[in-house]
Amino acid sequence: MEGMCSRNIFVLISRRQKNKERFIGTIRPITILQAKRAQIIDDITHIIDREEINNVALIGVVRSITKSEMYVNYIIDDGTGVITVRKFGILDTEDTEIHGRLRSFNNQNINIAANGVSAIQGYNQITFHLLDCIHTHLSKNRTRTMNELNINEDNADVANVKKAILECSSTESGAYIHSIIVYLNDRMVESDIMEVINDLLNRGDVTCTKDDYHLKLV
């Protein structure tokens, strides 16, 4: 049985881990784009911002519903992408809360296995969720401690370059080399900066992203 929703229904999707031994952290707000870009370890283990994700919250529009005797498939769209949410069992209403988990098959096609879906209470909830996603993503990528970066064990030049890469990484593409040079203009000359960057690349502490001019700490 298939059908398109007669109206846009914004739903909150979250994952609640039943196995307490696998519980890690609190609920992580994400977008569908983040879910699609998650690093897949296995069919039930996924990494976002270098952390295993066990509990997620996501808000989107129900674009279509497909029902069978065993489950209901929701196609959810949040403006950043589209994802399938599968609910086993027959629902009494379209507006039930979703609790589920990120799933993938053969290391691809990430979706959400759910056991409930609910309509949001107002449009302000959408705005808050998106701001929460942005804040959480930036916090995870910009507040790594000095120990995590091994800065205390590095000499001053290496520590400065690592900090510059971190501070200049405003997007998922990482830090633009020119931005790093400008950031360190009052502390290091360009040739020394490039020498440190090459050393970090050779050591595997830094990697190139979309091209040879964008870097990200590993």
C-alpha atoms as a PDB file:
ATOM      1  CA  MET A   1       0.000   0.000   0.000  1.00  0.00           C
ATOM      2  CA  GLU A   2       1.523   3.316  -1.050  1.00  0.00           C
ATOM      3  CA  GLY A   3       0.489   6.904  -0.678  1.00  0.00           C
ATOM      4  CA  MET A   4       1.719  10.477  -0.625  1.00  0.00           C
ATOM      5  CA  CYS A   5       1.003  12.583   2.439  1.00  0.00           C
ATOM      6  CA  SER A   6      -1.891  14.965   1.946  1.00  0.00           C
ATOM      7  CA  ARG A   7       0.015  17.620   3.884  1.00  0.00           C
ATOM      8  CA  ASN A   8       3.567  18.275   5.029  1.00  0.00           C
ATOM      9  CA  ILE A   9       4.119  16.549   8.365  1.00  0.00           C
ATOM     10  CA  PHE A  10       7.267  17.535  10.242  1.00  0.00           C
ATOM     11  CA  VAL A  11       8.407  14.704  12.453  1.00  0.00           C
ATOM     12  CA  LEU A  12      11.019  14.236  15.122  1.00  0.00           C
ATOM     13  CA  ILE A  13      13.181  11.184  14.579  1.00  0.00           C
ATOM     14  CA  SER A  14      15.388   9.939  17.368  1.00  0.00           C
ATOM     15  CA  ARG A  15      17.319   6.851  18.230  1.00  0.00           C
ATOM     16  CA  ARG A  16      17.053   5.273  21.661  1.00  0.00           C
ATOM     17  CA  GLN A  17      19.480   2.436  22.324  1.00  0.00           C
ATOM     18  CA  LYS A  18      17.817  -0.432  24.198  1.00  0.00           C
ATOM     19  CA  ASN A  19      21.094  -2.218  24.920  1.00  0.00           C
ATOM     20  CA  LYS A  20      22.568  -0.208  27.806  1.00  0.00           C
ATOM     21  CA  GLU A  21      26.023  -1.665  27.203  1.00  0.00           C
ATOM     22  CA  ARG A  22      26.132   0.123  23.845  1.00  0.00           C
ATOM     23  CA  PHE A  23      24.820   3.451  25.132  1.00  0.00           C
ATOM     24  CA  ILE A  24      27.291   6.236  24.399  1.00  0.00           C
ATOM     25  CA  GLY A  25      26.618   9.893  25.159  1.00  0.00           C
ATOM     26  CA  THR A  26      23.379  11.814  24.789  1.00  0.00           C
ATOM     27  CA  ILE A  27      21.042  12.370  21.849  1.00  0.00           C
ATOM     28  CA  ARG A  28      22.927  13.970  18.947  1.00  0.00           C
ATOM     29  CA  PRO A  29      20.990  16.393  16.715  1.00  0.00           C
ATOM     30  CA  ILE A  30      21.831  15.773  13.058  1.00  0.00           C
ATOM     31  CA  THR A  31      20.662  16.575   9.546  1.00  0.00           C
ATOM     32  CA  ILE A  32      20.040  13.976   6.872  1.00  0.00           C
ATOM     33  CA  LEU A  33      23.170  15.179   5.059  1.00  0.00           C
ATOM     34  CA  GLN A  34      25.228  14.375   8.150  1.00  0.00           C
ATOM     35  CA  ALA A  35      23.610  10.950   8.361  1.00  0.00           C
ATOM     36  CA  LYS A  36      24.408  10.268   4.701  1.00  0.00           C
ATOM     37  CA  ARG A  37      28.029  11.361   5.182  1.00  0.00           C
ATOM     38  CA  ALA A  38      28.533   9.327   8.354  1.00  0.00           C
ATOM     39  CA  GLN A  39      31.533   7.011   8.355  1.00  0.00           C
ATOM     40  CA  ILE A  40      30.255   3.438   8.241  1.00  0.00           C
ATOM     41  CA  ILE A  41      32.099   0.972  10.479  1.00  0.00           C
ATOM     42  CA  ASP A  42      29.546  -1.811  10.111  1.00  0.00           C
ATOM     43  CA  ASP A  43      25.801  -2.078   9.538  1.00  0.00           C
ATOM     44  CA  ILE A  44      24.943  -0.656  12.978  1.00  0.00           C
ATOM     45  CA  THR A  45      28.014   1.441  13.849  1.00  0.00           C
ATOM     46  CA  HIS A  46      28.417   4.919  12.366  1.00  0.00           C
ATOM     47  CA  ILE A  47      30.804   7.791  13.059  1.00  0.00           C
ATOM     48  CA  ILE A  48      30.018  11.528  12.821  1.00  0.00           C
ATOM     49  CA  ASP A  49      32.640  14.114  13.822  1.00  0.00           C
ATOM     50  CA  ARG A  50      34.969  11.336  15.016  1.00  0.00           C
ATOM     51  CA  GLU A  51      32.371   9.993  17.490  1.00  0.00           C
ATOM     52  CA  GLU A  52      30.247   6.857  17.402  1.00  0.00           C
ATOM     53  CA  ILE A  53      26.602   7.867  17.058  1.00  0.00           C
ATOM     54  CA  ASN A  54      24.143   5.833  19.100  1.00  0.00           C
ATOM     55  CA  ASN A  55      21.353   8.335  19.728  1.00  0.00           C
ATOM     56  CA  VAL A  56      20.242  10.876  17.134  1.00  0.00           C
ATOM     57  CA  ALA A  57      17.476  13.418  16.688  1.00  0.00           C
ATOM     58  CA  LEU A  58      16.390  14.602  13.252  1.00  0.00           C
ATOM     59  CA  ILE A  59      13.468  16.674  11.974  1.00  0.00           C
ATOM     60  CA  GLY A  60      12.050  16.526   8.453  1.00  0.00           C
ATOM     61  CA  VAL A  61       8.978  16.417   6.254  1.00  0.00           C
ATOM     62  CA  VAL A  62       7.222  13.138   5.521  1.00  0.00           C
ATOM     63  CA  ARG A  63       7.183  13.069   1.718  1.00  0.00           C
ATOM     64  CA  SER A  64       5.612   9.635   1.285  1.00  0.00           C
ATOM     65  CA  ILE A  65       4.489   6.579   3.208  1.00  0.00           C
ATOM     66  CA  THR A  66       4.613   2.989   1.979  1.00  0.00           C
ATOM     67  CA  LYS A  67       2.865   0.303   4.031  1.00  0.00           C
ATOM     68  CA  SER A  68       3.151  -3.478   3.977  1.00  0.00           C
ATOM     69  CA  GLU A  69       2.013  -6.239   6.311  1.00  0.00           C
ATOM     70  CA  MET A  70       5.332  -6.145   8.178  1.00  0.00           C
ATOM     71  CA  TYR A  71       6.465  -2.522   8.215  1.00  0.00           C
ATOM     72  CA  VAL A  72       5.895   1.085   7.169  1.00  0.00           C
ATOM     73  CA  ASN A  73       8.476   3.061   5.173  1.00  0.00           C
ATOM     74  CA  TYR A  74       8.614   6.845   5.571  1.00  0.00           C
ATOM     75  CA  ILE A  75      10.539   8.996   3.092  1.00  0.00           C
ATOM     76  CA  ILE A  76      11.833  11.947   5.140  1.00  0.00           C
ATOM     77  CA  ASP A  77      13.171  15.214   3.656  1.00  0.00           C
ATOM     78  CA  ASP A  78      14.791  17.929   5.798  1.00  0.00           C
ATOM     79  CA  GLY A  79      16.126  20.184   3.036  1.00  0.00           C
ATOM     80  CA  THR A  80      19.640  18.723   3.188  1.00  0.00           C
ATOM     81  CA  GLY A  81      18.710  15.314   1.834  1.00  0.00           C
ATOM     82  CA  VAL A  82      16.237  12.452   1.836  1.00  0.00           C
ATOM     83  CA  ILE A  83      16.347   9.308   3.969  1.00  0.00           C
ATOM     84  CA  THR A  84      14.202   6.219   4.475  1.00  0.00           C
ATOM     85  CA  VAL A  85      12.767   5.514   7.921  1.00  0.00           C
ATOM     86  CA  ARG A  86      11.408   2.005   8.453  1.00  0.00           C
ATOM     87  CA  LYS A  87       8.911   1.213  11.211  1.00  0.00           C
ATOM     88  CA  PHE A  88       8.082  -2.444  11.791  1.00  0.00           C
ATOM     89  CA  GLY A  89       4.494  -3.167  12.686  1.00  0.00           C
ATOM     90  CA  ILE A  90       1.335  -1.350  11.597  1.00  0.00           C
ATOM     91  CA  LEU A  91       0.793   2.199  12.836  1.00  0.00           C
ATOM     92  CA  ASP A  92      -2.529   3.461  14.139  1.00  0.00           C
ATOM     93  CA  THR A  93      -1.686   7.012  13.106  1.00  0.00           C
ATOM     94  CA  GLU A  94       0.789   8.811  10.908  1.00  0.00           C
ATOM     95  CA  ASP A  95       1.730  11.187  13.727  1.00  0.00           C
ATOM     96  CA  THR A  96       3.577   8.954  16.189  1.00  0.00           C
ATOM     97  CA  GLU A  97       6.999   9.592  17.654  1.00  0.00           C
ATOM     98  CA  ILE A  98       9.942   7.792  16.027  1.00  0.00           C
ATOM     99  CA  HIS A  99      12.628   6.083  18.084  1.00  0.00           C
ATOM    100  CA  GLY A 100      15.175   4.223  15.997  1.00  0.00           C
ATOM    101  CA  ARG A 101      18.761   3.777  14.926  1.00  0.00           C
ATOM    102  CA  LEU A 102      21.023   4.517  11.972  1.00  0.00           C
ATOM    103  CA  ARG A 103      21.378   1.435   9.795  1.00  0.00           C
ATOM    104  CA  SER A 104      23.232   0.571   6.594  1.00  0.00           C
ATOM    105  CA  PHE A 105      23.404  -2.478   4.349  1.00  0.00           C
ATOM    106  CA  ASN A 106      26.714  -3.716   2.964  1.00  0.00           C
ATOM    107  CA  ASN A 107      28.397  -0.467   4.065  1.00  0.00           C
ATOM    108  CA  GLN A 108      26.054   1.757   2.064  1.00  0.00           C
ATOM    109  CA  ASN A 109      22.478   3.068   1.865  1.00  0.00           C
ATOM    110  CA  ILE A 110      22.184   4.535   5.363  1.00  0.00           C
ATOM    111  CA  ASN A 111      18.630   4.543   6.718  1.00  0.00           C
ATOM    112  CA  ILE A 112      16.852   4.600  10.066  1.00  0.00           C
ATOM    113  CA  ALA A 113      15.147   1.633  11.715  1.00  0.00           C
ATOM    114  CA  ALA A 114      12.404   3.097  13.896  1.00  0.00           C
ATOM    115  CA  ASN A 115       9.683   2.122  16.323  1.00  0.00           C
ATOM    116  CA  GLY A 116       7.707   5.377  16.528  1.00  0.00           C
ATOM    117  CA  VAL A 117       7.101   8.784  14.807  1.00  0.00           C
ATOM    118  CA  SER A 118       5.596  12.021  16.190  1.00  0.00           C
ATOM    119  CA  ALA A 119       4.595  15.401  14.760  1.00  0.00           C
ATOM    120  CA  ILE A 120       6.540  18.418  16.032  1.00  0.00           C
ATOM    121  CA  GLN A 121       4.799  20.970  18.227  1.00  0.00           C
ATOM    122  CA  GLY A 122       5.614  24.080  16.178  1.00  0.00           C
ATOM    123  CA  TYR A 123       7.861  25.567  13.506  1.00  0.00           C
ATOM    124  CA  ASN A 124      10.163  27.086  16.125  1.00  0.00           C
ATOM    125  CA  GLN A 125      11.230  23.525  16.853  1.00  0.00           C
ATOM    126  CA  ILE A 126      12.624  23.282  13.314  1.00  0.00           C
ATOM    127  CA  THR A 127      14.701  26.444  13.743  1.00  0.00           C
ATOM    128  CA  PHE A 128      15.983  25.325  17.128  1.00  0.00           C
ATOM    129  CA  HIS A 129      16.910  21.900  15.768  1.00  0.00           C
ATOM    130  CA  LEU A 130      18.908  23.328  12.852  1.00  0.00           C
ATOM    131  CA  LEU A 131      20.746  25.757  15.152  1.00  0.00           C
ATOM    132  CA  ASP A 132      21.435  22.873  17.523  1.00  0.00           C
ATOM    133  CA  CYS A 133      22.886  20.828  14.628  1.00  0.00           C
ATOM    134  CA  ILE A 134      25.193  23.688  13.634  1.00  0.00           C
ATOM    135  CA  HIS A 135      26.292  24.404  17.198  1.00  0.00           C
ATOM    136  CA  THR A 136      26.995  20.746  17.959  1.00  0.00           C
ATOM    137  CA  HIS A 137      28.929  20.194  14.724  1.00  0.00           C
ATOM    138  CA  LEU A 138      31.110  23.277  15.276  1.00  0.00           C
ATOM    139  CA  SER A 139      31.673  22.382  18.920  1.00  0.00           C
ATOM    140  CA  LYS A 140      32.796  18.868  18.031  1.00  0.00           C
ATOM    141  CA  ASN A 141      35.219  20.176  15.404  1.00  0.00           C
ATOM    142  CA  ARG A 142      36.585  23.297  17.119  1.00  0.00           C
ATOM    143  CA  THR A 143      36.907  22.429  20.810  1.00  0.00           C
ATOM    144  CA  ARG A 144      39.321  19.533  20.710  1.00  0.00           C
ATOM    145  CA  THR A 145      41.682  19.810  23.663  1.00  0.00           C
ATOM    146  CA  MET A 146      45.381  20.546  23.439  1.00  0.00           C
ATOM    147  CA  ASN A 147      46.109  16.956  24.449  1.00  0.00           C
ATOM    148  CA  GLU A 148      43.918  15.561  21.666  1.00  0.00           C
ATOM    149  CA  LEU A 149      46.000  17.479  19.135  1.00  0.00           C
ATOM    150  CA  ASN A 150      49.283  16.508  20.853  1.00  0.00           C
ATOM    151  CA  ILE A 151      50.150  20.210  20.853  1.00  0.00           C
ATOM    152  CA  ASN A 152      51.910  20.007  24.226  1.00  0.00           C
ATOM    153  CA  GLU A 153      54.306  17.425  22.772  1.00  0.00           C
ATOM    154  CA  ASP A 154      55.110  19.485  19.669  1.00  0.00           C
ATOM    155  CA  ASN A 155      57.543  22.333  19.205  1.00  0.00           C
ATOM    156  CA  ALA A 156      56.163  25.866  18.943  1.00  0.00           C
ATOM    157  CA  ASP A 157      55.986  25.963  15.130  1.00  0.00           C
ATOM    158  CA  VAL A 158      54.135  22.648  14.861  1.00  0.00           C
ATOM    159  CA  ALA A 159      51.758  23.666  17.654  1.00  0.00           C
ATOM    160  CA  ASN A 160      51.061  26.991  15.921  1.00  0.00           C
ATOM    161  CA  VAL A 161      50.324  25.333  12.574  1.00  0.00           C
ATOM    162  CA  LYS A 162      48.033  22.732  14.151  1.00  0.00           C
ATOM    163  CA  LYS A 163      46.132  25.430  16.000  1.00  0.00           C
ATOM    164  CA  ALA A 164      45.861  27.486  12.792  1.00  0.00           C
ATOM    165  CA  ILE A 165      44.459  24.513  10.864  1.00  0.00           C
ATOM    166  CA  LEU A 166      41.889  23.950  13.601  1.00  0.00           C
ATOM    167  CA  GLU A 167      40.860  27.605  13.848  1.00  0.00           C
ATOM    168  CA  CYS A 168      40.668  28.074  10.067  1.00  0.00           C
ATOM    169  CA  SER A 169      38.557  24.941   9.485  1.00  0.00           C
ATOM    170  CA  SER A 170      35.218  26.695   9.053  1.00  0.00           C
ATOM    171  CA  THR A 171      33.742  24.083   6.692  1.00  0.00           C
ATOM    172  CA  GLU A 172      33.897  20.319   6.162  1.00  0.00           C
ATOM    173  CA  SER A 173      36.615  20.985   3.560  1.00  0.00           C
ATOM    174  CA  GLY A 174      38.985  21.986   6.352  1.00  0.00           C
ATOM    175  CA  ALA A 175      41.414  24.907   6.352  1.00  0.00           C
ATOM    176  CA  TYR A 176      42.582  26.693   3.188  1.00  0.00           C
ATOM    177  CA  ILE A 177      46.390  26.939   3.146  1.00  0.00           C
ATOM    178  CA  HIS A 178      46.306  30.661   2.344  1.00  0.00           C
ATOM    179  CA  SER A 179      44.097  31.233   5.391  1.00  0.00           C
ATOM    180  CA  ILE A 180      46.627  29.370   7.548  1.00  0.00           C
ATOM    181  CA  ILE A 181      49.457  31.545   6.239  1.00  0.00           C
ATOM    182  CA  VAL A 182      47.476  34.732   6.933  1.00  0.00           C
ATOM    183  CA  TYR A 183      46.536  33.478  10.405  1.00  0.00           C
ATOM    184  CA  LEU A 184      50.207  32.893  11.273  1.00  0.00           C
ATOM    185  CA  ASN A 185      51.533  35.981   9.493  1.00  0.00           C
ATOM    186  CA  ASP A 186      52.802  37.618  12.696  1.00  0.00           C
ATOM    187  CA  ARG A 187      54.479  34.462  14.035  1.00  0.00           C
ATOM    188  CA  MET A 188      55.931  32.457  11.140  1.00  0.00           C
ATOM    189  CA  VAL A 189      57.170  33.037   7.606  1.00  0.00           C
ATOM    190  CA  GLU A 190      55.442  31.233   4.734  1.00  0.00           C
ATOM    191  CA  SER A 191      58.360  28.896   3.971  1.00  0.00           C
ATOM    192  CA  ASP A 192      58.444  27.641   7.579  1.00  0.00           C
ATOM    193  CA  ILE A 193      54.677  27.140   7.578  1.00  0.00           C
ATOM    194  CA  MET A 194      54.834  25.055   4.401  1.00  0.00           C
ATOM    195  CA  GLU A 195      57.716  22.995   5.794  1.00  0.00           C
ATOM    196  CA  VAL A 196      55.703  22.168   8.924  1.00  0.00           C
ATOM    197  CA  ILE A 197      52.619  21.335   6.834  1.00  0.00           C
ATOM    198  CA  ASN A 198      54.639  18.943   4.671  1.00  0.00           C
ATOM    199  CA  ASP A 199      56.043  17.273   7.797  1.00  0.00           C
ATOM    200  CA  LEU A 200      52.537  16.895   9.249  1.00  0.00           C
ATOM    201  CA  LEU A 201      51.303  15.400   5.980  1.00  0.00           C
ATOM    202  CA  ASN A 202      54.177  12.910   5.937  1.00  0.00           C
ATOM    203  CA  ARG A 203      53.488  11.978   9.575  1.00  0.00           C
ATOM    204  CA  GLY A 204      49.805  11.460   8.876  1.00  0.00           C
ATOM    205  CA  ASP A 205      48.737  14.130  11.386  1.00  0.00           C
ATOM    206  CA  VAL A 206      47.149  16.182   8.598  1.00  0.00           C
ATOM    207  CA  THR A 207      45.321  15.149   5.437  1.00  0.00           C
ATOM    208  CA  CYS A 208      44.222  16.945   2.277  1.00  0.00           C
ATOM    209  CA  THR A 209      40.484  17.126   1.694  1.00  0.00           C
ATOM    210  CA  LYS A 210      38.891  18.287  -1.553  1.00  0.00           C
ATOM    211  CA  ASP A 211      42.208  19.362  -3.117  1.00  0.00           C
ATOM    212  CA  ASP A 212      45.881  19.954  -2.274  1.00  0.00           C
ATOM    213  CA  TYR A 213      45.097  23.383  -0.807  1.00  0.00           C
ATOM    214  CA  HIS A 214      42.629  22.338   1.902  1.00  0.00           C
ATOM    215  CA  LEU A 215      43.814  20.559   5.033  1.00  0.00           C
ATOM    216  CA  LYS A 216      42.220  18.893   8.034  1.00  0.00           C
ATOM    217  CA  LEU A 217      43.686  17.504  11.235  1.00  0.00           C
ATOM    218  CA  VAL A 218      43.434  13.730  11.539  1.00  0.00           C
END
